Amino acid sequence: MQPAATISVSKVAPFKPNGANYIDEDTTINSEQELWSISATSNRQGDEEIYARGSHIIWTYPLQDIQCPSYMEFTTDTMPKKVKIGTEK
């Protein structure tokens, strides 16, 4: 069975202040904001919506004919790298 939705989350390396190099897992620069790339592929056409407050994120995406929530809720410090949700009926 194909998954009803496949969710991919990845960390994006922001530019260093001088713009010359990427930061690669550099935790010593606390002033830089961590950026994330989030995308979903689901079994229904529609818009994704992402709500964020601080490190708390609620992400909704369209699903059809499936017995599972059409949203994810997580914090950026526990954000999964890749999550598969539900399977089609």
C-alpha atoms as a PDB file:
ATOM      1  CA  MET A   1       0.000   0.000   0.000  1.00  0.00           C
ATOM      2  CA  GLN A   2       1.122   3.507  -0.762  1.00  0.00           C
ATOM      3  CA  PRO A   3       1.150   5.942   2.162  1.00  0.00           C
ATOM      4  CA  ALA A   4      -1.698   8.459   2.163  1.00  0.00           C
ATOM      5  CA  ALA A   5       0.812  11.175   2.940  1.00  0.00           C
ATOM      6  CA  THR A   6       4.568  11.417   3.010  1.00  0.00           C
ATOM      7  CA  ILE A   7       6.047  14.274   4.985  1.00  0.00           C
ATOM      8  CA  SER A   8       9.646  15.389   4.587  1.00  0.00           C
ATOM      9  CA  VAL A   9      11.356  17.792   6.957  1.00  0.00           C
ATOM     10  CA  SER A  10      14.941  18.923   6.539  1.00  0.00           C
ATOM     11  CA  LYS A  11      17.208  21.500   8.101  1.00  0.00           C
ATOM     12  CA  VAL A  12      18.399  24.272   5.823  1.00  0.00           C
ATOM     13  CA  ALA A  13      21.806  25.744   6.524  1.00  0.00           C
ATOM     14  CA  PRO A  14      21.550  29.544   6.724  1.00  0.00           C
ATOM     15  CA  PHE A  15      24.276  31.796   5.394  1.00  0.00           C
ATOM     16  CA  LYS A  16      26.969  33.036   7.741  1.00  0.00           C
ATOM     17  CA  PRO A  17      26.838  36.803   8.381  1.00  0.00           C
ATOM     18  CA  ASN A  18      29.493  37.484   5.745  1.00  0.00           C
ATOM     19  CA  GLY A  19      27.445  35.594   3.163  1.00  0.00           C
ATOM     20  CA  ALA A  20      30.461  33.621   1.995  1.00  0.00           C
ATOM     21  CA  ASN A  21      29.841  30.202   3.527  1.00  0.00           C
ATOM     22  CA  TYR A  22      27.060  27.978   4.756  1.00  0.00           C
ATOM     23  CA  ILE A  23      26.771  27.010   8.389  1.00  0.00           C
ATOM     24  CA  ASP A  24      27.010  23.220   8.561  1.00  0.00           C
ATOM     25  CA  GLU A  25      25.677  21.924  11.884  1.00  0.00           C
ATOM     26  CA  ASP A  26      27.406  24.819  13.633  1.00  0.00           C
ATOM     27  CA  THR A  27      25.821  25.115  17.066  1.00  0.00           C
ATOM     28  CA  THR A  28      28.313  27.715  18.295  1.00  0.00           C
ATOM     29  CA  ILE A  29      26.523  30.575  16.534  1.00  0.00           C
ATOM     30  CA  ASN A  30      23.503  31.101  18.766  1.00  0.00           C
ATOM     31  CA  SER A  31      22.357  34.257  17.005  1.00  0.00           C
ATOM     32  CA  GLU A  32      21.470  32.362  13.821  1.00  0.00           C
ATOM     33  CA  GLN A  33      17.925  31.091  13.430  1.00  0.00           C
ATOM     34  CA  GLU A  34      17.497  27.459  12.426  1.00  0.00           C
ATOM     35  CA  LEU A  35      15.602  27.155   9.169  1.00  0.00           C
ATOM     36  CA  TRP A  36      13.601  24.123   8.073  1.00  0.00           C
ATOM     37  CA  SER A  37      12.309  22.947   4.722  1.00  0.00           C
ATOM     38  CA  ILE A  38       8.903  21.250   5.030  1.00  0.00           C
ATOM     39  CA  SER A  39       6.939  19.529   2.262  1.00  0.00           C
ATOM     40  CA  ALA A  40       4.120  16.997   1.950  1.00  0.00           C
ATOM     41  CA  THR A  41       2.771  14.728  -0.748  1.00  0.00           C
ATOM     42  CA  SER A  42      -0.749  13.468  -0.078  1.00  0.00           C
ATOM     43  CA  ASN A  43      -3.585  11.626  -1.804  1.00  0.00           C
ATOM     44  CA  ARG A  44      -5.748  14.725  -2.210  1.00  0.00           C
ATOM     45  CA  GLN A  45      -5.328  18.071  -3.945  1.00  0.00           C
ATOM     46  CA  GLY A  46      -5.347  21.097  -1.682  1.00  0.00           C
ATOM     47  CA  ASP A  47      -3.307  23.637   0.190  1.00  0.00           C
ATOM     48  CA  GLU A  48      -0.920  22.989   3.025  1.00  0.00           C
ATOM     49  CA  GLU A  49      -0.944  25.460   5.894  1.00  0.00           C
ATOM     50  CA  ILE A  50       1.693  25.936   8.549  1.00  0.00           C
ATOM     51  CA  TYR A  51       1.086  27.775  11.816  1.00  0.00           C
ATOM     52  CA  ALA A  52       4.024  28.551  14.068  1.00  0.00           C
ATOM     53  CA  ARG A  53       4.443  30.210  17.445  1.00  0.00           C
ATOM     54  CA  GLY A  54       7.985  30.125  18.705  1.00  0.00           C
ATOM     55  CA  SER A  55       9.207  26.555  18.406  1.00  0.00           C
ATOM     56  CA  HIS A  56       5.672  25.099  18.276  1.00  0.00           C
ATOM     57  CA  ILE A  57       4.340  24.193  14.835  1.00  0.00           C
ATOM     58  CA  ILE A  58       0.950  22.952  13.625  1.00  0.00           C
ATOM     59  CA  TRP A  59       0.999  21.795  10.026  1.00  0.00           C
ATOM     60  CA  THR A  60      -2.170  20.829   8.144  1.00  0.00           C
ATOM     61  CA  TYR A  61      -2.394  19.109   4.774  1.00  0.00           C
ATOM     62  CA  PRO A  62      -5.246  17.538   2.782  1.00  0.00           C
ATOM     63  CA  LEU A  63      -6.150  13.835   3.019  1.00  0.00           C
ATOM     64  CA  GLN A  64      -9.111  11.813   1.787  1.00  0.00           C
ATOM     65  CA  ASP A  65     -10.600   8.406   2.665  1.00  0.00           C
ATOM     66  CA  ILE A  66      -8.242   7.890   5.552  1.00  0.00           C
ATOM     67  CA  GLN A  67      -8.697   7.356   9.281  1.00  0.00           C
ATOM     68  CA  CYS A  68      -5.924   9.545  10.617  1.00  0.00           C
ATOM     69  CA  PRO A  69      -5.502  13.236  11.445  1.00  0.00           C
ATOM     70  CA  SER A  70      -4.717  15.575   8.558  1.00  0.00           C
ATOM     71  CA  TYR A  71      -2.247  17.542  10.637  1.00  0.00           C
ATOM     72  CA  MET A  72       1.021  17.215  12.507  1.00  0.00           C
ATOM     73  CA  GLU A  73       1.920  19.019  15.691  1.00  0.00           C
ATOM     74  CA  PHE A  74       5.494  19.247  16.891  1.00  0.00           C
ATOM     75  CA  THR A  75       8.249  21.492  18.167  1.00  0.00           C
ATOM     76  CA  THR A  76      11.360  22.341  16.188  1.00  0.00           C
ATOM     77  CA  ASP A  77      13.635  20.588  18.674  1.00  0.00           C
ATOM     78  CA  THR A  78      11.715  17.326  18.184  1.00  0.00           C
ATOM     79  CA  MET A  79      10.985  17.750  14.476  1.00  0.00           C
ATOM     80  CA  PRO A  80      11.319  14.458  12.595  1.00  0.00           C
ATOM     81  CA  LYS A  81      13.509  14.201   9.513  1.00  0.00           C
ATOM     82  CA  LYS A  82      10.905  12.134   7.678  1.00  0.00           C
ATOM     83  CA  VAL A  83       7.483  10.866   8.753  1.00  0.00           C
ATOM     84  CA  LYS A  84       4.928   8.733   6.936  1.00  0.00           C
ATOM     85  CA  ILE A  85       1.322   9.053   8.068  1.00  0.00           C
ATOM     86  CA  GLY A  86      -1.468   6.524   7.487  1.00  0.00           C
ATOM     87  CA  THR A  87      -2.150   4.348   4.462  1.00  0.00           C
ATOM     88  CA  GLU A  88      -4.846   4.557   1.836  1.00  0.00           C
ATOM     89  CA  LYS A  89      -7.978   2.449   2.258  1.00  0.00           C
END
